[in-house]
Amino acid sequence: MFKKDDVIMHSKSGVCRILSIKKNVNDSDPRAKYYELEPVYTKGTTILTPVDNDRIFLRYLYSKEELESMIQQLPSLVLEWEDDQKARKTISDKVINSGDLEQLLELVATLYVKDKERKEAGKQLNIADQQNLKYATNLINEEFAYVYDVNIDVVEDFIRDLINPKKKKKE
């Protein structure tokens, strides 16, 4: 169980600070304890989520060392592309809801590569893929920004440079 003031990853709302752990006023609710969360990057918002929630994934943030290990693997994380849009959306939704950073990185890498290919052909990703790319990228950016204590705006370029190794400077 998390504690007050812990900073965690909420699979829907990103990086959040636990403001309190509350008892529900409705005694008949089997989920008697709730986390009151404040999204770090969305000020003025609070979220109540049951402590024993099975639909929202909560976890501690990864350490810099764990993130660096994932960054090292990033260029090889591209998933096999699913041609069926409906199946691809289902897969993307499952990855996003999982809260698993490695899976999110794989999803973003895959969608980024496909987006680049489509743009080179004068086309765009479909709306669902664009939304999933934006949403998953935001979750990743929040975690990297918080852990590395950097502005969220610089994280995306950093990740994109890692996904596309051709852009790396030659030594």
N, C-alpha and C. Protein backbone atom coordinates (compact mmCIF):
# COMPACT_ATOMS: atom_id res chain seq x y z
N MET A 1 0.84 -1.18 0.00
CA MET A 1 0.00 0.00 0.00
C MET A 1 0.89 1.24 0.00
N PHE A 2 0.49 2.21 -0.79
CA PHE A 2 1.24 3.46 -0.86
C PHE A 2 0.95 4.30 0.37
N LYS A 3 1.79 5.32 0.59
CA LYS A 3 1.64 6.20 1.74
C LYS A 3 1.39 7.63 1.27
N LYS A 4 0.89 8.44 2.18
CA LYS A 4 0.71 9.87 1.91
C LYS A 4 2.03 10.47 1.45
N ASP A 5 1.98 11.32 0.44
CA ASP A 5 3.12 12.01 -0.15
C ASP A 5 3.96 11.16 -1.10
N ASP A 6 3.63 9.87 -1.27
CA ASP A 6 4.31 9.08 -2.29
C ASP A 6 3.97 9.65 -3.66
N VAL A 7 4.92 9.57 -4.57
CA VAL A 7 4.68 9.96 -5.96
C VAL A 7 4.63 8.68 -6.76
N ILE A 8 3.52 8.47 -7.46
CA ILE A 8 3.28 7.22 -8.16
C ILE A 8 2.83 7.48 -9.59
N MET A 9 2.79 6.41 -10.37
CA MET A 9 2.26 6.48 -11.74
C MET A 9 0.85 5.90 -11.71
N HIS A 10 -0.09 6.68 -12.21
CA HIS A 10 -1.49 6.29 -12.37
C HIS A 10 -1.67 6.03 -13.86
N SER A 11 -2.13 4.85 -14.24
CA SER A 11 -2.16 4.48 -15.66
C SER A 11 -3.05 5.38 -16.51
N LYS A 12 -3.95 6.12 -15.93
CA LYS A 12 -4.81 7.02 -16.70
C LYS A 12 -4.40 8.49 -16.57
N SER A 13 -3.89 8.86 -15.40
CA SER A 13 -3.63 10.28 -15.12
C SER A 13 -2.17 10.64 -15.01
N GLY A 14 -1.28 9.69 -15.20
CA GLY A 14 0.15 9.99 -15.18
C GLY A 14 0.72 10.08 -13.77
N VAL A 15 1.75 10.89 -13.62
CA VAL A 15 2.46 11.02 -12.35
C VAL A 15 1.57 11.76 -11.36
N CYS A 16 1.35 11.15 -10.19
CA CYS A 16 0.48 11.73 -9.17
C CYS A 16 1.13 11.64 -7.80
N ARG A 17 0.79 12.61 -6.97
CA ARG A 17 1.21 12.61 -5.56
C ARG A 17 0.00 12.18 -4.74
N ILE A 18 0.24 11.32 -3.75
CA ILE A 18 -0.84 10.89 -2.87
C ILE A 18 -1.02 11.96 -1.79
N LEU A 19 -2.18 12.61 -1.83
CA LEU A 19 -2.49 13.65 -0.86
C LEU A 19 -2.96 13.06 0.46
N SER A 20 -3.75 11.98 0.37
CA SER A 20 -4.26 11.34 1.58
C SER A 20 -4.82 9.98 1.23
N ILE A 21 -5.10 9.22 2.26
CA ILE A 21 -5.81 7.96 2.11
C ILE A 21 -7.09 8.13 2.92
N LYS A 22 -8.23 8.07 2.25
CA LYS A 22 -9.52 8.38 2.86
C LYS A 22 -10.38 7.14 3.00
N LYS A 23 -11.22 7.17 4.03
CA LYS A 23 -12.26 6.17 4.16
C LYS A 23 -13.49 6.71 3.43
N ASN A 24 -14.15 5.85 2.69
CA ASN A 24 -15.35 6.25 1.97
C ASN A 24 -16.47 6.52 2.97
N VAL A 25 -17.29 7.52 2.70
CA VAL A 25 -18.40 7.86 3.59
C VAL A 25 -19.52 6.82 3.51
N ASN A 26 -19.56 6.05 2.44
CA ASN A 26 -20.58 5.03 2.27
C ASN A 26 -20.05 3.71 2.83
N ASP A 27 -20.53 3.33 4.01
CA ASP A 27 -20.03 2.13 4.68
C ASP A 27 -20.35 0.84 3.93
N SER A 28 -21.34 0.88 3.04
CA SER A 28 -21.69 -0.33 2.30
C SER A 28 -20.74 -0.57 1.13
N ASP A 29 -19.87 0.40 0.83
CA ASP A 29 -18.90 0.25 -0.27
C ASP A 29 -17.79 -0.70 0.19
N PRO A 30 -17.60 -1.82 -0.52
CA PRO A 30 -16.56 -2.77 -0.11
C PRO A 30 -15.15 -2.19 -0.28
N ARG A 31 -15.03 -1.16 -1.11
CA ARG A 31 -13.73 -0.51 -1.30
C ARG A 31 -13.67 0.67 -0.34
N ALA A 32 -13.47 0.38 0.91
CA ALA A 32 -13.61 1.39 1.96
C ALA A 32 -12.49 2.43 1.96
N LYS A 33 -11.35 2.13 1.39
CA LYS A 33 -10.24 3.09 1.40
C LYS A 33 -9.97 3.59 -0.01
N TYR A 34 -9.71 4.88 -0.10
CA TYR A 34 -9.43 5.53 -1.37
C TYR A 34 -8.16 6.36 -1.27
N TYR A 35 -7.39 6.36 -2.34
CA TYR A 35 -6.28 7.29 -2.45
C TYR A 35 -6.83 8.60 -3.02
N GLU A 36 -6.47 9.70 -2.40
CA GLU A 36 -6.74 11.01 -2.99
C GLU A 36 -5.45 11.43 -3.67
N LEU A 37 -5.49 11.54 -4.99
CA LEU A 37 -4.30 11.81 -5.79
C LEU A 37 -4.37 13.18 -6.44
N GLU A 38 -3.21 13.80 -6.57
CA GLU A 38 -3.10 15.05 -7.31
C GLU A 38 -2.13 14.82 -8.45
N PRO A 39 -2.61 14.89 -9.70
CA PRO A 39 -1.68 14.78 -10.82
C PRO A 39 -0.64 15.90 -10.75
N VAL A 40 0.63 15.53 -10.86
CA VAL A 40 1.73 16.48 -10.74
C VAL A 40 1.70 17.51 -11.86
N TYR A 41 1.36 17.07 -13.07
CA TYR A 41 1.42 17.95 -14.23
C TYR A 41 0.07 18.53 -14.64
N THR A 42 -0.97 18.27 -13.84
CA THR A 42 -2.29 18.86 -14.08
C THR A 42 -2.75 19.44 -12.76
N LYS A 43 -2.34 20.65 -12.49
CA LYS A 43 -2.65 21.30 -11.21
C LYS A 43 -4.14 21.61 -11.11
N GLY A 44 -4.62 21.61 -9.86
CA GLY A 44 -6.01 21.95 -9.61
C GLY A 44 -6.96 20.78 -9.75
N THR A 45 -6.44 19.59 -9.96
CA THR A 45 -7.27 18.40 -10.14
C THR A 45 -6.94 17.40 -9.03
N THR A 46 -7.95 16.75 -8.50
CA THR A 46 -7.71 15.63 -7.59
C THR A 46 -8.51 14.43 -8.08
N ILE A 47 -8.01 13.27 -7.77
CA ILE A 47 -8.62 12.02 -8.21
C ILE A 47 -8.79 11.13 -6.98
N LEU A 48 -9.95 10.51 -6.87
CA LEU A 48 -10.15 9.49 -5.85
C LEU A 48 -10.16 8.14 -6.55
N THR A 49 -9.32 7.23 -6.10
CA THR A 49 -9.29 5.90 -6.68
C THR A 49 -9.19 4.88 -5.54
N PRO A 50 -9.98 3.81 -5.61
CA PRO A 50 -9.94 2.81 -4.54
C PRO A 50 -8.54 2.23 -4.36
N VAL A 51 -8.19 1.96 -3.12
CA VAL A 51 -6.90 1.35 -2.81
C VAL A 51 -6.79 -0.01 -3.51
N ASP A 52 -7.89 -0.74 -3.57
CA ASP A 52 -7.88 -2.07 -4.19
C ASP A 52 -8.46 -2.05 -5.60
N ASN A 53 -8.18 -0.99 -6.34
CA ASN A 53 -8.70 -0.82 -7.69
C ASN A 53 -8.10 -1.86 -8.64
N ASP A 54 -8.94 -2.56 -9.37
CA ASP A 54 -8.43 -3.56 -10.32
C ASP A 54 -8.54 -3.07 -11.77
N ARG A 55 -9.00 -1.84 -11.98
CA ARG A 55 -9.10 -1.31 -13.34
C ARG A 55 -8.06 -0.23 -13.64
N ILE A 56 -7.55 0.39 -12.61
CA ILE A 56 -6.52 1.41 -12.76
C ILE A 56 -5.24 0.86 -12.16
N PHE A 57 -4.17 0.94 -12.93
CA PHE A 57 -2.89 0.42 -12.46
C PHE A 57 -2.11 1.53 -11.79
N LEU A 58 -1.67 1.28 -10.57
CA LEU A 58 -0.84 2.21 -9.81
C LEU A 58 0.49 1.55 -9.51
N ARG A 59 1.58 2.31 -9.65
CA ARG A 59 2.90 1.77 -9.33
C ARG A 59 3.84 2.90 -8.95
N TYR A 60 4.93 2.52 -8.28
CA TYR A 60 5.97 3.50 -8.00
C TYR A 60 6.66 3.87 -9.31
N LEU A 61 7.24 5.05 -9.37
CA LEU A 61 7.99 5.46 -10.54
C LEU A 61 9.28 4.64 -10.62
N TYR A 62 9.78 4.46 -11.83
CA TYR A 62 11.06 3.78 -12.01
C TYR A 62 12.19 4.70 -11.57
N SER A 63 13.30 4.10 -11.21
CA SER A 63 14.50 4.87 -10.84
C SER A 63 15.21 5.33 -12.12
N LYS A 64 16.16 6.24 -11.97
CA LYS A 64 16.96 6.68 -13.12
C LYS A 64 17.68 5.50 -13.75
N GLU A 65 18.19 4.60 -12.92
CA GLU A 65 18.92 3.44 -13.44
C GLU A 65 18.01 2.55 -14.27
N GLU A 66 16.80 2.32 -13.79
CA GLU A 66 15.84 1.50 -14.53
C GLU A 66 15.45 2.18 -15.84
N LEU A 67 15.24 3.50 -15.79
CA LEU A 67 14.89 4.23 -17.00
C LEU A 67 16.04 4.21 -18.00
N GLU A 68 17.27 4.36 -17.52
CA GLU A 68 18.43 4.32 -18.40
C GLU A 68 18.56 2.97 -19.07
N SER A 69 18.26 1.91 -18.34
CA SER A 69 18.29 0.57 -18.93
C SER A 69 17.25 0.45 -20.05
N MET A 70 16.06 0.99 -19.81
CA MET A 70 15.02 0.97 -20.84
C MET A 70 15.42 1.83 -22.04
N ILE A 71 16.05 2.96 -21.77
CA ILE A 71 16.50 3.84 -22.85
C ILE A 71 17.51 3.11 -23.74
N GLN A 72 18.39 2.33 -23.13
CA GLN A 72 19.39 1.58 -23.90
C GLN A 72 18.72 0.62 -24.88
N GLN A 73 17.59 0.07 -24.50
CA GLN A 73 16.88 -0.90 -25.33
C GLN A 73 15.91 -0.25 -26.32
N LEU A 74 15.67 1.03 -26.17
CA LEU A 74 14.63 1.71 -26.93
C LEU A 74 14.69 1.51 -28.44
N PRO A 75 15.84 1.63 -29.09
CA PRO A 75 15.83 1.47 -30.56
C PRO A 75 15.36 0.10 -31.04
N SER A 76 15.41 -0.92 -30.19
CA SER A 76 15.01 -2.26 -30.62
C SER A 76 13.61 -2.63 -30.15
N LEU A 77 12.85 -1.67 -29.62
CA LEU A 77 11.56 -1.99 -29.02
C LEU A 77 10.37 -1.94 -29.97
N VAL A 78 10.58 -1.72 -31.24
CA VAL A 78 9.45 -1.59 -32.15
C VAL A 78 8.68 -2.92 -32.24
N LEU A 79 7.37 -2.82 -32.03
CA LEU A 79 6.50 -3.99 -32.10
C LEU A 79 6.14 -4.31 -33.54
N GLU A 80 5.66 -5.51 -33.76
CA GLU A 80 5.15 -5.87 -35.08
C GLU A 80 3.86 -5.08 -35.31
N TRP A 81 3.73 -4.48 -36.48
CA TRP A 81 2.58 -3.65 -36.79
C TRP A 81 1.35 -4.51 -37.05
N GLU A 82 0.25 -4.20 -36.41
CA GLU A 82 -1.02 -4.87 -36.62
C GLU A 82 -1.81 -4.08 -37.66
N ASP A 83 -2.09 -4.69 -38.81
CA ASP A 83 -2.77 -3.99 -39.89
C ASP A 83 -4.24 -3.69 -39.60
N ASP A 84 -4.90 -4.55 -38.84
CA ASP A 84 -6.31 -4.35 -38.53
C ASP A 84 -6.44 -3.22 -37.50
N GLN A 85 -7.10 -2.13 -37.89
CA GLN A 85 -7.21 -0.95 -37.04
C GLN A 85 -7.91 -1.24 -35.71
N LYS A 86 -8.97 -2.02 -35.75
CA LYS A 86 -9.72 -2.34 -34.53
C LYS A 86 -8.85 -3.15 -33.57
N ALA A 87 -8.17 -4.15 -34.11
CA ALA A 87 -7.28 -4.97 -33.27
C ALA A 87 -6.13 -4.13 -32.72
N ARG A 88 -5.60 -3.23 -33.56
CA ARG A 88 -4.50 -2.37 -33.13
C ARG A 88 -4.95 -1.44 -32.00
N LYS A 89 -6.17 -0.91 -32.11
CA LYS A 89 -6.68 -0.04 -31.05
C LYS A 89 -6.84 -0.82 -29.75
N THR A 90 -7.34 -2.05 -29.84
CA THR A 90 -7.48 -2.89 -28.65
C THR A 90 -6.13 -3.14 -27.99
N ILE A 91 -5.13 -3.44 -28.80
CA ILE A 91 -3.77 -3.67 -28.29
C ILE A 91 -3.24 -2.41 -27.64
N SER A 92 -3.40 -1.27 -28.30
CA SER A 92 -2.92 0.00 -27.77
C SER A 92 -3.60 0.35 -26.45
N ASP A 93 -4.91 0.18 -26.39
CA ASP A 93 -5.66 0.47 -25.16
C ASP A 93 -5.18 -0.42 -24.01
N LYS A 94 -4.94 -1.68 -24.31
CA LYS A 94 -4.46 -2.61 -23.28
C LYS A 94 -3.09 -2.18 -22.75
N VAL A 95 -2.21 -1.78 -23.65
CA VAL A 95 -0.87 -1.32 -23.25
C VAL A 95 -0.99 -0.07 -22.39
N ILE A 96 -1.77 0.89 -22.83
CA ILE A 96 -1.92 2.14 -22.07
C ILE A 96 -2.51 1.87 -20.69
N ASN A 97 -3.52 1.02 -20.62
CA ASN A 97 -4.15 0.71 -19.33
C ASN A 97 -3.25 -0.11 -18.41
N SER A 98 -2.25 -0.77 -18.97
CA SER A 98 -1.37 -1.61 -18.16
C SER A 98 -0.47 -0.79 -17.24
N GLY A 99 -0.12 0.42 -17.68
CA GLY A 99 0.80 1.23 -16.89
C GLY A 99 2.24 0.75 -16.98
N ASP A 100 2.50 -0.25 -17.79
CA ASP A 100 3.84 -0.81 -17.94
C ASP A 100 4.67 0.08 -18.84
N LEU A 101 5.71 0.68 -18.29
CA LEU A 101 6.50 1.65 -19.05
C LEU A 101 7.19 1.03 -20.25
N GLU A 102 7.71 -0.16 -20.11
CA GLU A 102 8.37 -0.80 -21.25
C GLU A 102 7.40 -1.03 -22.40
N GLN A 103 6.19 -1.47 -22.08
CA GLN A 103 5.18 -1.65 -23.13
C GLN A 103 4.77 -0.31 -23.74
N LEU A 104 4.68 0.73 -22.90
CA LEU A 104 4.37 2.07 -23.43
C LEU A 104 5.47 2.54 -24.37
N LEU A 105 6.72 2.30 -24.01
CA LEU A 105 7.83 2.68 -24.88
C LEU A 105 7.77 1.92 -26.21
N GLU A 106 7.43 0.64 -26.15
CA GLU A 106 7.30 -0.15 -27.37
C GLU A 106 6.18 0.40 -28.25
N LEU A 107 5.06 0.74 -27.63
CA LEU A 107 3.92 1.28 -28.38
C LEU A 107 4.31 2.61 -29.04
N VAL A 108 4.93 3.50 -28.29
CA VAL A 108 5.32 4.80 -28.83
C VAL A 108 6.34 4.63 -29.94
N ALA A 109 7.32 3.75 -29.73
CA ALA A 109 8.34 3.52 -30.76
C ALA A 109 7.68 3.02 -32.05
N THR A 110 6.76 2.09 -31.91
CA THR A 110 6.07 1.52 -33.07
C THR A 110 5.24 2.58 -33.80
N LEU A 111 4.46 3.32 -33.03
CA LEU A 111 3.61 4.35 -33.65
C LEU A 111 4.45 5.48 -34.24
N TYR A 112 5.55 5.80 -33.59
CA TYR A 112 6.43 6.85 -34.11
C TYR A 112 7.03 6.44 -35.46
N VAL A 113 7.51 5.20 -35.52
CA VAL A 113 8.10 4.70 -36.77
C VAL A 113 7.04 4.67 -37.87
N LYS A 114 5.84 4.18 -37.56
CA LYS A 114 4.77 4.11 -38.55
C LYS A 114 4.33 5.52 -38.97
N ASP A 115 4.30 6.46 -38.02
CA ASP A 115 3.94 7.84 -38.33
C ASP A 115 4.96 8.44 -39.29
N LYS A 116 6.22 8.19 -39.04
CA LYS A 116 7.28 8.70 -39.92
C LYS A 116 7.14 8.12 -41.33
N GLU A 117 6.91 6.80 -41.42
CA GLU A 117 6.73 6.15 -42.72
C GLU A 117 5.53 6.74 -43.46
N ARG A 118 4.43 6.95 -42.74
CA ARG A 118 3.21 7.48 -43.36
C ARG A 118 3.43 8.91 -43.84
N LYS A 119 4.11 9.72 -43.06
CA LYS A 119 4.39 11.11 -43.46
C LYS A 119 5.27 11.15 -44.70
N GLU A 120 6.25 10.26 -44.77
CA GLU A 120 7.11 10.20 -45.96
C GLU A 120 6.32 9.82 -47.20
N ALA A 121 5.22 9.09 -47.01
CA ALA A 121 4.35 8.70 -48.13
C ALA A 121 3.23 9.71 -48.35
N GLY A 122 3.29 10.86 -47.61
CA GLY A 122 2.27 11.89 -47.76
C GLY A 122 0.96 11.57 -47.08
N LYS A 123 0.98 10.69 -46.09
CA LYS A 123 -0.23 10.27 -45.38
C LYS A 123 -0.07 10.53 -43.89
N GLN A 124 -1.14 10.23 -43.16
CA GLN A 124 -1.13 10.38 -41.71
C GLN A 124 -1.56 9.08 -41.05
N LEU A 125 -1.22 8.95 -39.77
CA LEU A 125 -1.78 7.87 -38.97
C LEU A 125 -3.27 8.12 -38.82
N ASN A 126 -4.05 7.06 -38.59
CA ASN A 126 -5.46 7.29 -38.34
C ASN A 126 -5.62 7.99 -36.98
N ILE A 127 -6.80 8.52 -36.76
CA ILE A 127 -7.06 9.33 -35.56
C ILE A 127 -6.78 8.54 -34.27
N ALA A 128 -7.23 7.29 -34.20
CA ALA A 128 -7.01 6.49 -32.99
C ALA A 128 -5.52 6.30 -32.72
N ASP A 129 -4.74 6.03 -33.76
CA ASP A 129 -3.29 5.87 -33.58
C ASP A 129 -2.64 7.19 -33.14
N GLN A 130 -3.09 8.29 -33.72
CA GLN A 130 -2.56 9.61 -33.32
C GLN A 130 -2.87 9.88 -31.85
N GLN A 131 -4.09 9.59 -31.43
CA GLN A 131 -4.48 9.81 -30.04
C GLN A 131 -3.69 8.91 -29.09
N ASN A 132 -3.52 7.65 -29.47
CA ASN A 132 -2.77 6.73 -28.62
C ASN A 132 -1.30 7.13 -28.55
N LEU A 133 -0.74 7.59 -29.65
CA LEU A 133 0.64 8.07 -29.65
C LEU A 133 0.78 9.26 -28.70
N LYS A 134 -0.14 10.19 -28.79
CA LYS A 134 -0.09 11.38 -27.93
C LYS A 134 -0.27 11.01 -26.45
N TYR A 135 -1.23 10.16 -26.16
CA TYR A 135 -1.54 9.78 -24.78
C TYR A 135 -0.38 9.00 -24.15
N ALA A 136 0.11 7.99 -24.86
CA ALA A 136 1.21 7.17 -24.33
C ALA A 136 2.47 8.00 -24.19
N THR A 137 2.73 8.88 -25.15
CA THR A 137 3.90 9.75 -25.09
C THR A 137 3.82 10.66 -23.87
N ASN A 138 2.63 11.17 -23.58
CA ASN A 138 2.47 12.04 -22.42
C ASN A 138 2.77 11.30 -21.12
N LEU A 139 2.27 10.07 -20.99
CA LEU A 139 2.54 9.28 -19.78
C LEU A 139 4.05 9.05 -19.61
N ILE A 140 4.71 8.71 -20.70
CA ILE A 140 6.16 8.48 -20.66
C ILE A 140 6.89 9.78 -20.31
N ASN A 141 6.51 10.87 -20.97
CA ASN A 141 7.16 12.15 -20.73
C ASN A 141 7.05 12.58 -19.28
N GLU A 142 5.88 12.38 -18.69
CA GLU A 142 5.70 12.75 -17.29
C GLU A 142 6.65 11.99 -16.38
N GLU A 143 6.76 10.68 -16.60
CA GLU A 143 7.63 9.90 -15.73
C GLU A 143 9.09 10.29 -15.89
N PHE A 144 9.54 10.41 -17.14
CA PHE A 144 10.92 10.80 -17.39
C PHE A 144 11.20 12.20 -16.82
N ALA A 145 10.29 13.13 -17.04
CA ALA A 145 10.48 14.50 -16.56
C ALA A 145 10.58 14.54 -15.04
N TYR A 146 9.71 13.80 -14.37
CA TYR A 146 9.73 13.81 -12.90
C TYR A 146 11.00 13.15 -12.36
N VAL A 147 11.31 11.98 -12.88
CA VAL A 147 12.47 11.24 -12.38
C VAL A 147 13.78 11.99 -12.65
N TYR A 148 13.90 12.57 -13.84
CA TYR A 148 15.13 13.28 -14.20
C TYR A 148 15.09 14.76 -13.80
N ASP A 149 13.96 15.20 -13.24
CA ASP A 149 13.79 16.59 -12.81
C ASP A 149 14.11 17.57 -13.93
N VAL A 150 13.47 17.33 -15.09
CA VAL A 150 13.64 18.20 -16.24
C VAL A 150 12.26 18.68 -16.71
N ASN A 151 12.26 19.70 -17.53
CA ASN A 151 11.03 20.21 -18.09
C ASN A 151 10.42 19.15 -19.01
N ILE A 152 9.13 18.95 -18.87
CA ILE A 152 8.44 17.92 -19.66
C ILE A 152 8.58 18.15 -21.16
N ASP A 153 8.78 19.40 -21.57
CA ASP A 153 8.88 19.73 -22.99
C ASP A 153 10.14 19.18 -23.66
N VAL A 154 11.19 18.86 -22.92
CA VAL A 154 12.43 18.37 -23.54
C VAL A 154 12.48 16.85 -23.63
N VAL A 155 11.60 16.18 -22.93
CA VAL A 155 11.65 14.72 -22.88
C VAL A 155 11.33 14.09 -24.23
N GLU A 156 10.33 14.59 -24.92
CA GLU A 156 9.90 13.98 -26.18
C GLU A 156 11.02 13.99 -27.22
N ASP A 157 11.73 15.09 -27.36
CA ASP A 157 12.84 15.14 -28.31
C ASP A 157 13.94 14.15 -27.93
N PHE A 158 14.19 14.03 -26.65
CA PHE A 158 15.18 13.09 -26.15
C PHE A 158 14.80 11.65 -26.53
N ILE A 159 13.55 11.31 -26.32
CA ILE A 159 13.08 9.96 -26.65
C ILE A 159 13.08 9.73 -28.16
N ARG A 160 12.63 10.71 -28.92
CA ARG A 160 12.63 10.57 -30.38
C ARG A 160 14.04 10.39 -30.93
N ASP A 161 15.01 11.09 -30.38
CA ASP A 161 16.39 10.91 -30.82
C ASP A 161 16.88 9.49 -30.53
N LEU A 162 16.44 8.93 -29.44
CA LEU A 162 16.83 7.56 -29.11
C LEU A 162 16.14 6.54 -30.01
N ILE A 163 14.89 6.81 -30.38
CA ILE A 163 14.16 5.89 -31.26
C ILE A 163 14.78 5.88 -32.65
N ASN A 164 15.25 7.02 -33.10
CA ASN A 164 15.83 7.13 -34.43
C ASN A 164 17.35 7.28 -34.30
N PRO A 165 18.08 6.18 -34.21
CA PRO A 165 19.52 6.24 -33.98
C PRO A 165 20.29 6.93 -35.10
N LYS A 166 19.71 7.11 -36.28
CA LYS A 166 20.38 7.78 -37.39
C LYS A 166 20.67 9.24 -37.05
N LYS A 167 19.89 9.81 -36.15
CA LYS A 167 20.08 11.20 -35.78
C LYS A 167 21.22 11.39 -34.78
N LYS A 168 21.71 10.30 -34.17
CA LYS A 168 22.77 10.42 -33.19
C LYS A 168 24.03 10.93 -33.86
N LYS A 169 24.74 11.75 -33.11
CA LYS A 169 25.98 12.31 -33.65
C LYS A 169 27.05 11.22 -33.74
N LYS A 170 27.81 11.26 -34.81
CA LYS A 170 28.91 10.30 -34.97
C LYS A 170 30.08 10.75 -34.12
N GLU A 171 30.70 9.80 -33.45
CA GLU A 171 31.83 10.16 -32.59
C GLU A 171 33.13 10.00 -33.30
